[in-house]
N, C-alpha and C. Protein backbone atom coordinates (compact mmCIF):
# COMPACT_ATOMS: atom_id res chain seq x y z
N MET A 1 -83.49 147.98 27.96
CA MET A 1 -82.15 148.11 27.42
C MET A 1 -82.14 147.48 26.03
N HIS A 2 -81.62 148.20 25.08
CA HIS A 2 -81.58 147.71 23.71
C HIS A 2 -80.61 146.55 23.56
N VAL A 3 -80.83 145.75 22.56
CA VAL A 3 -79.95 144.62 22.29
C VAL A 3 -78.55 145.11 21.93
N ARG A 4 -78.50 146.20 21.20
CA ARG A 4 -77.21 146.77 20.80
C ARG A 4 -76.41 147.24 22.02
N THR A 5 -77.10 147.85 22.97
CA THR A 5 -76.44 148.33 24.18
C THR A 5 -75.94 147.15 25.01
N ARG A 6 -76.74 146.09 25.11
CA ARG A 6 -76.31 144.91 25.84
C ARG A 6 -75.08 144.29 25.21
N ARG A 7 -75.07 144.22 23.89
CA ARG A 7 -73.90 143.66 23.20
C ARG A 7 -72.67 144.52 23.43
N ALA A 8 -72.83 145.83 23.37
CA ALA A 8 -71.70 146.74 23.59
C ALA A 8 -71.18 146.60 25.02
N LEU A 9 -72.09 146.51 25.98
CA LEU A 9 -71.68 146.35 27.37
C LEU A 9 -70.96 145.02 27.57
N ARG A 10 -71.49 143.96 26.98
CA ARG A 10 -70.87 142.65 27.09
C ARG A 10 -69.48 142.64 26.44
N ALA A 11 -69.36 143.29 25.26
CA ALA A 11 -68.07 143.34 24.57
C ALA A 11 -67.05 144.14 25.39
N THR A 12 -67.49 145.22 26.01
CA THR A 12 -66.59 146.02 26.84
C THR A 12 -66.13 145.24 28.05
N LEU A 13 -67.02 144.51 28.70
CA LEU A 13 -66.64 143.72 29.86
C LEU A 13 -65.67 142.61 29.48
N VAL A 14 -65.92 141.95 28.36
CA VAL A 14 -65.02 140.89 27.92
C VAL A 14 -63.65 141.46 27.59
N ALA A 15 -63.61 142.61 26.91
CA ALA A 15 -62.33 143.23 26.57
C ALA A 15 -61.58 143.64 27.84
N GLY A 16 -62.28 144.16 28.83
CA GLY A 16 -61.64 144.53 30.09
C GLY A 16 -61.08 143.33 30.82
N LEU A 17 -61.83 142.24 30.82
CA LEU A 17 -61.33 141.03 31.48
C LEU A 17 -60.11 140.47 30.77
N VAL A 18 -60.12 140.49 29.45
CA VAL A 18 -58.98 139.97 28.71
C VAL A 18 -57.75 140.83 28.94
N LEU A 19 -57.91 142.15 28.99
CA LEU A 19 -56.77 143.04 29.14
C LEU A 19 -56.17 143.00 30.54
N PHE A 20 -57.01 142.87 31.56
CA PHE A 20 -56.51 143.00 32.91
C PHE A 20 -56.36 141.67 33.64
N ALA A 21 -56.82 140.56 33.08
CA ALA A 21 -56.72 139.28 33.76
C ALA A 21 -55.31 138.72 33.72
N ALA A 22 -54.55 139.01 32.67
CA ALA A 22 -53.21 138.44 32.54
C ALA A 22 -52.18 139.19 33.38
N ARG A 23 -52.47 140.36 33.82
CA ARG A 23 -51.53 141.16 34.58
C ARG A 23 -51.62 140.81 36.07
N PRO A 24 -50.51 140.67 36.78
CA PRO A 24 -50.58 140.33 38.20
C PRO A 24 -51.15 141.49 39.01
N ALA A 25 -51.71 141.16 40.12
CA ALA A 25 -52.26 142.18 40.99
C ALA A 25 -51.17 143.12 41.47
N HIS A 26 -51.50 144.40 41.63
CA HIS A 26 -50.51 145.40 42.00
C HIS A 26 -49.93 145.11 43.38
N ALA A 27 -50.75 144.68 44.31
CA ALA A 27 -50.27 144.40 45.66
C ALA A 27 -49.32 143.21 45.67
N GLN A 28 -49.55 142.24 44.82
CA GLN A 28 -48.66 141.09 44.78
C GLN A 28 -47.31 141.47 44.22
N ALA A 29 -47.27 142.41 43.28
CA ALA A 29 -46.01 142.81 42.68
C ALA A 29 -45.13 143.55 43.69
N LEU A 30 -45.73 144.16 44.71
CA LEU A 30 -44.98 144.94 45.68
C LEU A 30 -44.58 144.11 46.91
N ALA A 31 -45.03 142.87 46.99
CA ALA A 31 -44.72 142.05 48.16
C ALA A 31 -43.23 141.73 48.19
N PRO A 32 -42.59 141.91 49.36
CA PRO A 32 -41.15 141.61 49.42
C PRO A 32 -40.91 140.11 49.32
N ARG A 33 -39.81 139.76 48.70
CA ARG A 33 -39.48 138.35 48.54
C ARG A 33 -38.51 137.95 49.66
N THR A 34 -38.88 136.93 50.41
CA THR A 34 -38.04 136.47 51.51
C THR A 34 -37.55 135.07 51.19
N PRO A 35 -36.32 134.76 51.59
CA PRO A 35 -35.82 133.41 51.33
C PRO A 35 -36.55 132.40 52.22
N PRO A 36 -36.69 131.18 51.77
CA PRO A 36 -37.37 130.18 52.60
C PRO A 36 -36.54 129.87 53.84
N ALA A 37 -37.22 129.65 54.95
CA ALA A 37 -36.55 129.37 56.21
C ALA A 37 -36.15 127.90 56.27
N ASP A 38 -35.00 127.67 56.87
CA ASP A 38 -34.53 126.29 57.05
C ASP A 38 -35.12 125.79 58.37
N VAL A 39 -36.04 124.86 58.28
CA VAL A 39 -36.72 124.37 59.47
C VAL A 39 -36.25 122.98 59.89
N ALA A 40 -35.08 122.59 59.44
CA ALA A 40 -34.55 121.28 59.82
C ALA A 40 -34.19 121.28 61.30
N ALA A 41 -34.35 120.13 61.92
CA ALA A 41 -34.03 119.98 63.34
C ALA A 41 -32.52 120.12 63.54
N PRO A 42 -32.09 120.71 64.68
CA PRO A 42 -30.66 120.83 64.91
C PRO A 42 -30.01 119.45 65.05
N LYS A 43 -28.79 119.37 64.60
CA LYS A 43 -28.07 118.09 64.66
C LYS A 43 -27.64 117.83 66.11
N ARG A 44 -27.95 116.66 66.57
CA ARG A 44 -27.63 116.30 67.96
C ARG A 44 -26.47 115.31 67.98
N PRO A 45 -25.66 115.43 69.00
CA PRO A 45 -24.59 114.44 69.12
C PRO A 45 -25.16 113.06 69.42
N ALA A 46 -24.35 112.07 69.22
CA ALA A 46 -24.80 110.68 69.37
C ALA A 46 -25.14 110.32 70.81
N SER A 47 -24.51 110.94 71.81
CA SER A 47 -24.77 110.51 73.17
C SER A 47 -25.02 111.70 74.09
N GLY A 48 -25.98 111.58 74.95
CA GLY A 48 -26.24 112.52 76.02
C GLY A 48 -26.87 113.84 75.59
N PRO A 49 -27.55 114.51 76.53
CA PRO A 49 -28.15 115.81 76.25
C PRO A 49 -27.09 116.90 76.21
N THR A 50 -27.39 117.96 75.48
CA THR A 50 -26.48 119.10 75.41
C THR A 50 -27.25 120.36 75.76
N LEU A 51 -26.52 121.42 76.04
CA LEU A 51 -27.14 122.69 76.38
C LEU A 51 -27.87 123.26 75.17
N GLU A 52 -27.32 123.08 73.97
CA GLU A 52 -27.96 123.61 72.76
C GLU A 52 -29.27 122.88 72.47
N ALA A 53 -29.32 121.58 72.70
CA ALA A 53 -30.53 120.81 72.45
C ALA A 53 -31.62 121.17 73.45
N ALA A 54 -31.25 121.61 74.67
CA ALA A 54 -32.22 121.96 75.69
C ALA A 54 -32.77 123.36 75.50
N SER A 55 -32.18 124.16 74.65
CA SER A 55 -32.61 125.54 74.43
C SER A 55 -33.91 125.58 73.64
N VAL A 56 -34.79 126.50 74.04
CA VAL A 56 -36.05 126.69 73.31
C VAL A 56 -36.08 128.03 72.59
N ALA A 57 -34.95 128.70 72.54
CA ALA A 57 -34.89 130.02 71.90
C ALA A 57 -34.88 129.88 70.37
N VAL A 58 -35.12 130.99 69.73
CA VAL A 58 -35.08 131.05 68.27
C VAL A 58 -33.63 131.15 67.84
N ARG A 59 -33.24 130.34 66.88
CA ARG A 59 -31.87 130.36 66.37
C ARG A 59 -31.85 131.05 65.02
N PRO A 60 -30.77 131.76 64.72
CA PRO A 60 -30.69 132.41 63.41
C PRO A 60 -30.56 131.37 62.29
N VAL A 61 -31.16 131.69 61.18
CA VAL A 61 -31.10 130.80 60.03
C VAL A 61 -29.81 131.08 59.27
N GLU A 62 -29.07 130.04 58.99
CA GLU A 62 -27.83 130.20 58.24
C GLU A 62 -28.10 129.94 56.77
N THR A 63 -27.88 130.96 55.95
CA THR A 63 -28.06 130.79 54.52
C THR A 63 -26.70 130.82 53.86
N LYS A 64 -26.53 129.97 52.91
CA LYS A 64 -25.23 129.86 52.25
C LYS A 64 -25.37 130.28 50.80
N GLY A 65 -24.76 131.39 50.45
CA GLY A 65 -24.71 131.83 49.06
C GLY A 65 -26.07 132.03 48.41
N LEU A 66 -26.96 132.78 49.05
CA LEU A 66 -28.28 133.04 48.48
C LEU A 66 -28.13 134.01 47.32
N GLN A 67 -28.53 133.59 46.12
CA GLN A 67 -28.42 134.43 44.94
C GLN A 67 -29.77 134.52 44.25
N LEU A 68 -30.07 135.69 43.74
CA LEU A 68 -31.29 135.89 42.97
C LEU A 68 -30.91 136.13 41.52
N ASN A 69 -31.59 135.48 40.63
CA ASN A 69 -31.33 135.73 39.22
C ASN A 69 -32.25 136.83 38.71
N ALA A 70 -32.06 137.24 37.48
CA ALA A 70 -32.83 138.35 36.91
C ALA A 70 -34.31 138.00 36.78
N ALA A 71 -34.62 136.73 36.58
CA ALA A 71 -36.02 136.34 36.43
C ALA A 71 -36.78 136.46 37.75
N ALA A 72 -36.08 136.37 38.87
CA ALA A 72 -36.75 136.45 40.17
C ALA A 72 -36.92 137.89 40.65
N ALA A 73 -36.37 138.84 39.94
CA ALA A 73 -36.49 140.25 40.34
C ALA A 73 -37.94 140.70 40.20
N PRO A 74 -38.43 141.52 41.12
CA PRO A 74 -39.81 141.98 41.02
C PRO A 74 -40.01 142.87 39.80
N ARG A 75 -41.15 142.69 39.14
CA ARG A 75 -41.46 143.49 37.94
C ARG A 75 -42.13 144.79 38.33
N LYS A 76 -41.91 145.80 37.52
CA LYS A 76 -42.59 147.07 37.73
C LYS A 76 -43.91 147.06 36.96
N GLY A 77 -44.87 147.80 37.45
CA GLY A 77 -46.15 147.90 36.76
C GLY A 77 -46.04 148.77 35.52
N TYR A 78 -47.08 148.78 34.71
CA TYR A 78 -47.05 149.54 33.48
C TYR A 78 -47.24 151.03 33.72
N GLY A 79 -47.96 151.41 34.71
CA GLY A 79 -48.13 152.81 35.05
C GLY A 79 -49.38 153.42 34.45
N GLN A 80 -49.59 154.67 34.79
CA GLN A 80 -50.80 155.37 34.38
C GLN A 80 -50.87 155.66 32.88
N PRO A 81 -49.78 156.03 32.19
CA PRO A 81 -49.91 156.30 30.76
C PRO A 81 -50.40 155.10 29.96
N VAL A 82 -49.92 153.92 30.27
CA VAL A 82 -50.37 152.72 29.56
C VAL A 82 -51.83 152.44 29.89
N ALA A 83 -52.22 152.66 31.14
CA ALA A 83 -53.62 152.46 31.52
C ALA A 83 -54.53 153.43 30.76
N LEU A 84 -54.08 154.67 30.60
CA LEU A 84 -54.87 155.65 29.82
C LEU A 84 -55.03 155.20 28.38
N MET A 85 -53.96 154.67 27.78
CA MET A 85 -54.05 154.22 26.40
C MET A 85 -55.01 153.04 26.27
N VAL A 86 -54.97 152.10 27.21
CA VAL A 86 -55.84 150.93 27.15
C VAL A 86 -57.30 151.32 27.33
N VAL A 87 -57.57 152.15 28.32
CA VAL A 87 -58.95 152.57 28.56
C VAL A 87 -59.45 153.42 27.41
N GLY A 88 -58.59 154.27 26.84
CA GLY A 88 -58.99 155.07 25.68
C GLY A 88 -59.31 154.19 24.49
N GLY A 89 -58.51 153.17 24.24
CA GLY A 89 -58.80 152.25 23.14
C GLY A 89 -60.11 151.50 23.35
N ALA A 90 -60.36 151.08 24.60
CA ALA A 90 -61.62 150.40 24.90
C ALA A 90 -62.81 151.34 24.71
N ALA A 91 -62.64 152.62 25.06
CA ALA A 91 -63.71 153.59 24.87
C ALA A 91 -63.98 153.84 23.39
N VAL A 92 -62.92 153.88 22.57
CA VAL A 92 -63.11 154.05 21.13
C VAL A 92 -63.88 152.86 20.57
N LEU A 93 -63.49 151.67 20.95
CA LEU A 93 -64.17 150.47 20.48
C LEU A 93 -65.63 150.45 20.93
N THR A 94 -65.86 150.81 22.18
CA THR A 94 -67.23 150.86 22.69
C THR A 94 -68.05 151.89 21.96
N GLY A 95 -67.48 153.07 21.70
CA GLY A 95 -68.19 154.12 20.98
C GLY A 95 -68.53 153.71 19.56
N LEU A 96 -67.64 152.98 18.90
CA LEU A 96 -67.92 152.52 17.55
C LEU A 96 -69.02 151.46 17.54
N ILE A 97 -69.05 150.63 18.57
CA ILE A 97 -70.10 149.61 18.65
C ILE A 97 -71.45 150.26 18.93
N ILE A 98 -71.47 151.25 19.81
CA ILE A 98 -72.74 151.90 20.16
C ILE A 98 -73.30 152.66 18.97
N GLY A 99 -72.45 153.44 18.30
CA GLY A 99 -72.92 154.20 17.14
C GLY A 99 -73.73 155.43 17.54
N ASN A 100 -74.31 156.08 16.55
CA ASN A 100 -75.12 157.29 16.71
C ASN A 100 -74.33 158.41 17.40
N ASP A 101 -75.03 159.40 17.95
CA ASP A 101 -74.36 160.55 18.56
C ASP A 101 -73.64 160.19 19.86
N ALA A 102 -74.29 159.37 20.69
CA ALA A 102 -73.67 159.00 21.97
C ALA A 102 -72.39 158.19 21.73
N GLY A 103 -72.42 157.29 20.78
CA GLY A 103 -71.24 156.50 20.47
C GLY A 103 -70.11 157.35 19.93
N THR A 104 -70.46 158.37 19.13
CA THR A 104 -69.43 159.27 18.60
C THR A 104 -68.76 160.04 19.72
N VAL A 105 -69.54 160.50 20.69
CA VAL A 105 -68.98 161.23 21.82
C VAL A 105 -68.04 160.34 22.62
N ILE A 106 -68.46 159.09 22.86
CA ILE A 106 -67.63 158.16 23.62
C ILE A 106 -66.35 157.83 22.85
N ALA A 107 -66.47 157.63 21.53
CA ALA A 107 -65.30 157.30 20.72
C ALA A 107 -64.31 158.46 20.67
N VAL A 108 -64.79 159.67 20.52
CA VAL A 108 -63.90 160.84 20.48
C VAL A 108 -63.24 161.04 21.85
N GLY A 109 -64.01 160.89 22.92
CA GLY A 109 -63.44 160.99 24.27
C GLY A 109 -62.38 159.92 24.51
N GLY A 110 -62.63 158.71 24.05
CA GLY A 110 -61.64 157.65 24.18
C GLY A 110 -60.39 157.92 23.37
N ALA A 111 -60.56 158.49 22.18
CA ALA A 111 -59.40 158.83 21.35
C ALA A 111 -58.55 159.91 22.03
N VAL A 112 -59.20 160.90 22.61
CA VAL A 112 -58.46 161.95 23.32
C VAL A 112 -57.72 161.35 24.52
N MET A 113 -58.38 160.47 25.25
CA MET A 113 -57.75 159.85 26.41
C MET A 113 -56.57 158.99 25.99
N GLY A 114 -56.73 158.21 24.93
CA GLY A 114 -55.65 157.36 24.44
C GLY A 114 -54.47 158.18 23.93
N LEU A 115 -54.74 159.26 23.23
CA LEU A 115 -53.65 160.11 22.73
C LEU A 115 -52.92 160.81 23.87
N TYR A 116 -53.65 161.21 24.90
CA TYR A 116 -52.99 161.81 26.06
C TYR A 116 -52.11 160.79 26.77
N GLY A 117 -52.59 159.56 26.89
CA GLY A 117 -51.77 158.50 27.48
C GLY A 117 -50.52 158.24 26.66
N LEU A 118 -50.64 158.27 25.33
CA LEU A 118 -49.49 158.09 24.46
C LEU A 118 -48.50 159.24 24.63
N TYR A 119 -49.01 160.47 24.75
CA TYR A 119 -48.17 161.64 24.96
C TYR A 119 -47.37 161.50 26.27
N GLU A 120 -48.06 161.09 27.34
CA GLU A 120 -47.39 160.92 28.63
C GLU A 120 -46.38 159.76 28.58
N TYR A 121 -46.71 158.72 27.84
CA TYR A 121 -45.82 157.55 27.74
C TYR A 121 -44.54 157.89 27.00
N LEU A 122 -44.62 158.72 25.97
CA LEU A 122 -43.45 159.05 25.17
C LEU A 122 -42.57 160.13 25.80
N GLN A 123 -43.03 160.78 26.83
CA GLN A 123 -42.21 161.81 27.47
C GLN A 123 -41.17 161.22 28.37
């Protein structure tokens, strides 16, 4: 493997890690948000056992005024058009680093992919 090819491969991997490391995982973005459960022990009267204290059943959690602000709302992903633009830009950069005929083919293919992603994004 040529030194130039190794450098191009390394640069592409680093660019991919930088672009995709800051974005949250897709499965995490789709996870439903549940309010925290109140696990405090039931309040017992000062004297003697009660029927409620002897119960081992599950009790409903009482929530008071649960509100979500805009920052806690789940974010939507960027979608396929943005992914096409990013991958196309990375392919153009990789093609320019590689050079020669193979690099030109990769760069032109990346430009076409990026422009198609831009077209889909603007529609």
